[in-house]
Amino acid sequence: MSEKRLAMLAYAEKLTGHPGDVVEADIVGLRDVGFSDRDILDICEVVGYYAYVNRIADGLGVSLESWLPAT
C-alpha cells in the first residue's frame, strides 16, 4: 500500500478506536502525505458516519441482511 493510504488508514483507526487521542500532528501527517483539508474532512466524516451508523444499528439490535455473510 502507498504511504498516503497507510496514513489515511492509521488516522481512521485512531479516530475510531481512540478519538480523544487525535491531535493536530495527526492532521499535519495527513497533509504531509498529500491530503488536502477537504480530503481530511471527507475522511473524518466517513469514519465518523460509519461509527455512528454501526452504533445505532448495534444499539437497536438491527440484524444483518440475510444475503450478507456474518463475520
C-alpha atoms as a PDB file:
ATOM      1  CA  MET A   1       0.000   0.000   0.000  1.00  0.00           C
ATOM      2  CA  SER A   2       1.070   3.549  -0.613  1.00  0.00           C
ATOM      3  CA  GLU A   3       2.311   5.810   2.171  1.00  0.00           C
ATOM      4  CA  LYS A   4      -0.738   8.007   1.589  1.00  0.00           C
ATOM      5  CA  ARG A   5      -3.199   5.140   2.002  1.00  0.00           C
ATOM      6  CA  LEU A   6      -1.398   3.837   5.097  1.00  0.00           C
ATOM      7  CA  ALA A   7      -1.546   7.311   6.672  1.00  0.00           C
ATOM      8  CA  MET A   8      -5.278   7.524   5.966  1.00  0.00           C
ATOM      9  CA  LEU A   9      -5.916   4.098   7.469  1.00  0.00           C
ATOM     10  CA  ALA A  10      -3.834   4.865  10.560  1.00  0.00           C
ATOM     11  CA  TYR A  11      -5.844   8.059  11.067  1.00  0.00           C
ATOM     12  CA  ALA A  12      -9.142   6.211  10.565  1.00  0.00           C
ATOM     13  CA  GLU A  13      -8.122   3.530  13.052  1.00  0.00           C
ATOM     14  CA  LYS A  14      -7.092   6.116  15.652  1.00  0.00           C
ATOM     15  CA  LEU A  15     -10.263   8.151  15.149  1.00  0.00           C
ATOM     16  CA  THR A  16     -12.367   5.021  15.515  1.00  0.00           C
ATOM     17  CA  GLY A  17     -10.628   3.447  18.496  1.00  0.00           C
ATOM     18  CA  HIS A  18      -9.295   6.443  20.407  1.00  0.00           C
ATOM     19  CA  PRO A  19     -10.950   9.622  19.125  1.00  0.00           C
ATOM     20  CA  GLY A  20      -9.821  11.670  22.119  1.00  0.00           C
ATOM     21  CA  ASP A  21      -6.201  10.958  21.224  1.00  0.00           C
ATOM     22  CA  VAL A  22      -6.372  12.599  17.792  1.00  0.00           C
ATOM     23  CA  VAL A  23      -4.140  15.682  17.812  1.00  0.00           C
ATOM     24  CA  GLU A  24      -3.051  18.325  15.335  1.00  0.00           C
ATOM     25  CA  ALA A  25       0.018  16.265  14.465  1.00  0.00           C
ATOM     26  CA  ASP A  26      -2.299  13.583  13.048  1.00  0.00           C
ATOM     27  CA  ILE A  27      -3.830  16.152  10.697  1.00  0.00           C
ATOM     28  CA  VAL A  28      -0.403  17.512   9.759  1.00  0.00           C
ATOM     29  CA  GLY A  29       0.691  13.958   8.969  1.00  0.00           C
ATOM     30  CA  LEU A  30      -2.182  13.603   6.519  1.00  0.00           C
ATOM     31  CA  ARG A  31      -1.291  16.905   4.892  1.00  0.00           C
ATOM     32  CA  ASP A  32       2.354  15.836   4.667  1.00  0.00           C
ATOM     33  CA  VAL A  33       1.447  12.822   2.520  1.00  0.00           C
ATOM     34  CA  GLY A  34      -0.680  14.908   0.170  1.00  0.00           C
ATOM     35  CA  PHE A  35      -4.197  15.125   1.571  1.00  0.00           C
ATOM     36  CA  SER A  36      -5.938  18.489   1.283  1.00  0.00           C
ATOM     37  CA  ASP A  37      -8.010  19.899   4.108  1.00  0.00           C
ATOM     38  CA  ARG A  38     -11.123  18.911   2.148  1.00  0.00           C
ATOM     39  CA  ASP A  39      -9.791  15.358   1.804  1.00  0.00           C
ATOM     40  CA  ILE A  40      -9.183  15.213   5.558  1.00  0.00           C
ATOM     41  CA  LEU A  41     -12.700  16.476   6.247  1.00  0.00           C
ATOM     42  CA  ASP A  42     -14.103  13.796   3.934  1.00  0.00           C
ATOM     43  CA  ILE A  43     -12.073  11.060   5.649  1.00  0.00           C
ATOM     44  CA  CYS A  44     -13.178  12.258   9.078  1.00  0.00           C
ATOM     45  CA  GLU A  45     -16.829  12.442   8.030  1.00  0.00           C
ATOM     46  CA  VAL A  46     -16.836   8.949   6.515  1.00  0.00           C
ATOM     47  CA  VAL A  47     -15.140   7.423   9.567  1.00  0.00           C
ATOM     48  CA  GLY A  48     -17.466   9.274  11.940  1.00  0.00           C
ATOM     49  CA  TYR A  49     -20.585   8.389   9.974  1.00  0.00           C
ATOM     50  CA  TYR A  50     -19.637   4.720   9.773  1.00  0.00           C
ATOM     51  CA  ALA A  51     -19.098   4.624  13.551  1.00  0.00           C
ATOM     52  CA  TYR A  52     -22.408   6.413  14.148  1.00  0.00           C
ATOM     53  CA  VAL A  53     -24.443   4.114  11.912  1.00  0.00           C
ATOM     54  CA  ASN A  54     -22.912   0.992  13.408  1.00  0.00           C
ATOM     55  CA  ARG A  55     -23.600   2.157  16.969  1.00  0.00           C
ATOM     56  CA  ILE A  56     -27.212   2.929  16.077  1.00  0.00           C
ATOM     57  CA  ALA A  57     -27.625  -0.491  14.440  1.00  0.00           C
ATOM     58  CA  ASP A  58     -25.947  -2.285  17.362  1.00  0.00           C
ATOM     59  CA  GLY A  59     -27.908  -0.271  19.912  1.00  0.00           C
ATOM     60  CA  LEU A  60     -31.202  -1.182  18.284  1.00  0.00           C
ATOM     61  CA  GLY A  61     -30.300  -4.805  17.668  1.00  0.00           C
ATOM     62  CA  VAL A  62     -30.551  -4.487  13.899  1.00  0.00           C
ATOM     63  CA  SER A  63     -29.803  -7.799  12.203  1.00  0.00           C
ATOM     64  CA  LEU A  64     -27.702  -8.221   9.085  1.00  0.00           C
ATOM     65  CA  GLU A  65     -29.464  -8.749   5.805  1.00  0.00           C
ATOM     66  CA  SER A  66     -29.757 -12.461   5.046  1.00  0.00           C
ATOM     67  CA  TRP A  67     -27.521 -12.100   1.970  1.00  0.00           C
ATOM     68  CA  LEU A  68     -24.613 -10.670   3.992  1.00  0.00           C
ATOM     69  CA  PRO A  69     -22.159 -13.146   5.495  1.00  0.00           C
ATOM     70  CA  ALA A  70     -21.796 -12.951   9.291  1.00  0.00           C
ATOM     71  CA  THR A  71     -18.294 -12.144  10.492  1.00  0.00           C
END
